Structures are given as C-alpha cells and as structure tokens.
Amino acid sequence: MRIPFLERHPKPPHERPESADRVERRALAIWPRLDRRALRRCGGNVARIAAHIAHRTKMAPKAIEMLIDDK
C-alpha cells in the first residue's frame, strides 16, 4: 500500500509579527555578537530571547526583558 506524498511544493514562509522583528533588532543593537539564527528560533518571544541573552551576560532575564520589550 502506498501513501501519496501530499506536499508537492514547499510551504511558503510564514509571516512573523512586526513586533518580533523589532525585539530582535533591539537585542542585536544592544548585544551585536548574538547569533541571529538563535534569535530567529525564539520566534520573537521576549522571555525566550531574554533567557538566551542571560546565558551570556550577568543581567537577570527580567532586566533584559525590560530593555528589549516592545511595550
């Protein structure tokens, strides 16, 4: 029995919220040596980005969130 291959074409890239791009740009402006792909994998989630940055600095994740948040 064969299972048909349903996806013949690659999926189009999904759109991200504009705020996610702003948060990533702000984080890169403050910490320019951050890995862009790692930030992209965080999906614009401020808490995840702050946790990633907190591993590299002595700042608390909450302090980093306040710096890069889009509020």
N, C-alpha and C. Protein backbone atom coordinates (compact mmCIF):
# COMPACT_ATOMS: atom_id res chain seq x y z
N MET A 1 0.85 -1.17 0.00
CA MET A 1 0.00 0.00 0.00
C MET A 1 0.89 1.24 0.00
N ARG A 2 0.60 2.17 -0.87
CA ARG A 2 1.40 3.38 -0.99
C ARG A 2 0.67 4.56 -0.35
N ILE A 3 1.43 5.40 0.28
CA ILE A 3 0.87 6.63 0.84
C ILE A 3 1.27 7.77 -0.08
N PRO A 4 0.30 8.50 -0.60
CA PRO A 4 0.65 9.59 -1.53
C PRO A 4 1.37 10.72 -0.80
N PHE A 5 2.29 11.30 -1.51
CA PHE A 5 3.02 12.44 -0.97
C PHE A 5 2.14 13.67 -1.12
N LEU A 6 1.72 14.25 -0.03
CA LEU A 6 0.73 15.32 -0.06
C LEU A 6 1.33 16.69 -0.38
N GLU A 7 2.53 16.96 0.07
CA GLU A 7 3.12 18.28 -0.13
C GLU A 7 4.05 18.25 -1.33
N ARG A 8 3.57 18.70 -2.44
CA ARG A 8 4.40 18.73 -3.65
C ARG A 8 5.29 19.97 -3.71
N HIS A 9 4.84 21.03 -3.09
CA HIS A 9 5.59 22.29 -3.12
C HIS A 9 5.97 22.66 -1.69
N PRO A 10 7.10 23.30 -1.54
CA PRO A 10 7.47 23.72 -0.18
C PRO A 10 6.47 24.75 0.35
N LYS A 11 6.33 24.77 1.64
CA LYS A 11 5.42 25.72 2.27
C LYS A 11 5.97 27.13 2.12
N PRO A 12 5.12 28.09 1.88
CA PRO A 12 5.60 29.48 1.81
C PRO A 12 6.04 29.93 3.20
N PRO A 13 7.00 30.83 3.27
CA PRO A 13 7.44 31.27 4.59
C PRO A 13 6.30 31.98 5.31
N HIS A 14 6.10 31.62 6.55
CA HIS A 14 5.01 32.23 7.31
C HIS A 14 5.44 33.62 7.76
N GLU A 15 4.46 34.46 7.87
CA GLU A 15 4.76 35.84 8.26
C GLU A 15 4.87 35.92 9.77
N ARG A 16 5.82 36.70 10.20
CA ARG A 16 6.03 36.92 11.63
C ARG A 16 5.46 38.27 12.00
N PRO A 17 5.05 38.43 13.23
CA PRO A 17 4.58 39.75 13.64
C PRO A 17 5.71 40.78 13.57
N GLU A 18 5.34 41.99 13.28
CA GLU A 18 6.34 43.05 13.15
C GLU A 18 7.05 43.31 14.47
N SER A 19 6.35 43.10 15.59
CA SER A 19 6.97 43.34 16.89
C SER A 19 8.11 42.36 17.14
N ALA A 20 8.02 41.16 16.59
CA ALA A 20 9.10 40.17 16.76
C ALA A 20 10.38 40.68 16.12
N ASP A 21 10.27 41.28 14.95
CA ASP A 21 11.45 41.82 14.28
C ASP A 21 12.04 42.98 15.07
N ARG A 22 11.18 43.82 15.64
CA ARG A 22 11.68 44.96 16.42
C ARG A 22 12.42 44.50 17.67
N VAL A 23 11.88 43.48 18.33
CA VAL A 23 12.53 42.96 19.53
C VAL A 23 13.90 42.38 19.18
N GLU A 24 13.97 41.63 18.09
CA GLU A 24 15.25 41.04 17.68
C GLU A 24 16.25 42.13 17.28
N ARG A 25 15.80 43.14 16.56
CA ARG A 25 16.70 44.24 16.18
C ARG A 25 17.22 44.98 17.41
N ARG A 26 16.34 45.18 18.39
CA ARG A 26 16.75 45.87 19.61
C ARG A 26 17.79 45.04 20.37
N ALA A 27 17.57 43.74 20.45
CA ALA A 27 18.53 42.86 21.13
C ALA A 27 19.87 42.88 20.41
N LEU A 28 19.85 42.85 19.09
CA LEU A 28 21.10 42.88 18.32
C LEU A 28 21.80 44.23 18.42
N ALA A 29 21.03 45.30 18.60
CA ALA A 29 21.65 46.62 18.75
C ALA A 29 22.39 46.71 20.08
N ILE A 30 21.83 46.09 21.11
CA ILE A 30 22.47 46.14 22.43
C ILE A 30 23.60 45.12 22.53
N TRP A 31 23.37 43.92 22.01
CA TRP A 31 24.37 42.84 22.04
C TRP A 31 24.65 42.42 20.59
N PRO A 32 25.53 43.10 19.89
CA PRO A 32 25.73 42.85 18.45
C PRO A 32 26.31 41.48 18.10
N ARG A 33 26.91 40.78 19.04
CA ARG A 33 27.53 39.49 18.71
C ARG A 33 26.58 38.30 18.91
N LEU A 34 25.30 38.57 19.13
CA LEU A 34 24.34 37.49 19.29
C LEU A 34 24.17 36.73 17.97
N ASP A 35 23.83 35.48 18.09
CA ASP A 35 23.58 34.64 16.92
C ASP A 35 22.19 34.94 16.37
N ARG A 36 22.13 35.43 15.14
CA ARG A 36 20.85 35.80 14.53
C ARG A 36 19.93 34.60 14.37
N ARG A 37 20.49 33.45 14.04
CA ARG A 37 19.65 32.27 13.87
C ARG A 37 19.05 31.82 15.19
N ALA A 38 19.81 31.93 16.27
CA ALA A 38 19.28 31.57 17.58
C ALA A 38 18.14 32.51 17.98
N LEU A 39 18.31 33.78 17.68
CA LEU A 39 17.22 34.73 17.96
C LEU A 39 15.99 34.43 17.11
N ARG A 40 16.20 34.06 15.88
CA ARG A 40 15.11 33.75 14.98
C ARG A 40 14.32 32.53 15.48
N ARG A 41 15.04 31.56 16.07
CA ARG A 41 14.37 30.37 16.60
C ARG A 41 13.51 30.70 17.82
N CYS A 42 13.80 31.81 18.49
CA CYS A 42 12.98 32.21 19.64
C CYS A 42 11.61 32.71 19.22
N GLY A 43 11.45 33.01 17.95
CA GLY A 43 10.14 33.39 17.42
C GLY A 43 9.61 34.72 17.90
N GLY A 44 10.48 35.60 18.34
CA GLY A 44 10.03 36.91 18.79
C GLY A 44 9.52 36.91 20.22
N ASN A 45 9.60 35.78 20.90
CA ASN A 45 9.16 35.68 22.29
C ASN A 45 10.20 36.37 23.17
N VAL A 46 9.78 37.43 23.85
CA VAL A 46 10.70 38.24 24.64
C VAL A 46 11.34 37.43 25.77
N ALA A 47 10.56 36.57 26.40
CA ALA A 47 11.10 35.77 27.52
C ALA A 47 12.16 34.79 27.03
N ARG A 48 11.93 34.18 25.88
CA ARG A 48 12.92 33.23 25.34
C ARG A 48 14.19 33.94 24.91
N ILE A 49 14.04 35.10 24.29
CA ILE A 49 15.22 35.88 23.88
C ILE A 49 16.00 36.32 25.12
N ALA A 50 15.28 36.77 26.15
CA ALA A 50 15.95 37.20 27.38
C ALA A 50 16.69 36.04 28.04
N ALA A 51 16.11 34.86 28.03
CA ALA A 51 16.78 33.69 28.60
C ALA A 51 18.04 33.35 27.81
N HIS A 52 17.97 33.49 26.49
CA HIS A 52 19.14 33.23 25.65
C HIS A 52 20.25 34.22 25.95
N ILE A 53 19.90 35.48 26.10
CA ILE A 53 20.89 36.53 26.37
C ILE A 53 21.45 36.38 27.78
N ALA A 54 20.61 35.97 28.73
CA ALA A 54 21.04 35.86 30.13
C ALA A 54 22.16 34.84 30.30
N HIS A 55 22.25 33.87 29.42
CA HIS A 55 23.35 32.91 29.49
C HIS A 55 24.69 33.55 29.15
N ARG A 56 24.64 34.68 28.45
CA ARG A 56 25.88 35.32 28.00
C ARG A 56 26.27 36.52 28.85
N THR A 57 25.35 37.01 29.69
CA THR A 57 25.63 38.20 30.49
C THR A 57 25.34 37.91 31.95
N LYS A 58 25.63 38.87 32.79
CA LYS A 58 25.32 38.73 34.22
C LYS A 58 23.97 39.35 34.55
N MET A 59 23.29 39.88 33.56
CA MET A 59 21.99 40.51 33.80
C MET A 59 20.92 39.46 34.02
N ALA A 60 19.94 39.82 34.84
CA ALA A 60 18.80 38.93 35.08
C ALA A 60 17.88 38.95 33.86
N PRO A 61 17.22 37.85 33.59
CA PRO A 61 16.31 37.81 32.43
C PRO A 61 15.22 38.88 32.48
N LYS A 62 14.71 39.20 33.66
CA LYS A 62 13.67 40.24 33.77
C LYS A 62 14.21 41.61 33.35
N ALA A 63 15.45 41.90 33.72
CA ALA A 63 16.06 43.17 33.33
C ALA A 63 16.25 43.23 31.82
N ILE A 64 16.63 42.12 31.23
CA ILE A 64 16.81 42.07 29.78
C ILE A 64 15.46 42.24 29.08
N GLU A 65 14.42 41.59 29.62
CA GLU A 65 13.09 41.74 29.05
C GLU A 65 12.66 43.20 29.04
N MET A 66 12.95 43.92 30.14
CA MET A 66 12.55 45.33 30.19
C MET A 66 13.31 46.16 29.15
N LEU A 67 14.53 45.77 28.84
CA LEU A 67 15.32 46.52 27.84
C LEU A 67 14.81 46.28 26.42
N ILE A 68 14.45 45.06 26.10
CA ILE A 68 14.14 44.74 24.71
C ILE A 68 12.65 44.66 24.41
N ASP A 69 11.81 44.74 25.45
CA ASP A 69 10.37 44.59 25.22
C ASP A 69 9.82 45.71 24.36
N ASP A 70 8.77 45.41 23.67
CA ASP A 70 8.17 46.34 22.70
C ASP A 70 7.02 47.15 23.30
N LYS A 71 6.94 47.25 24.59
CA LYS A 71 5.83 47.96 25.23
C LYS A 71 6.10 49.41 25.39
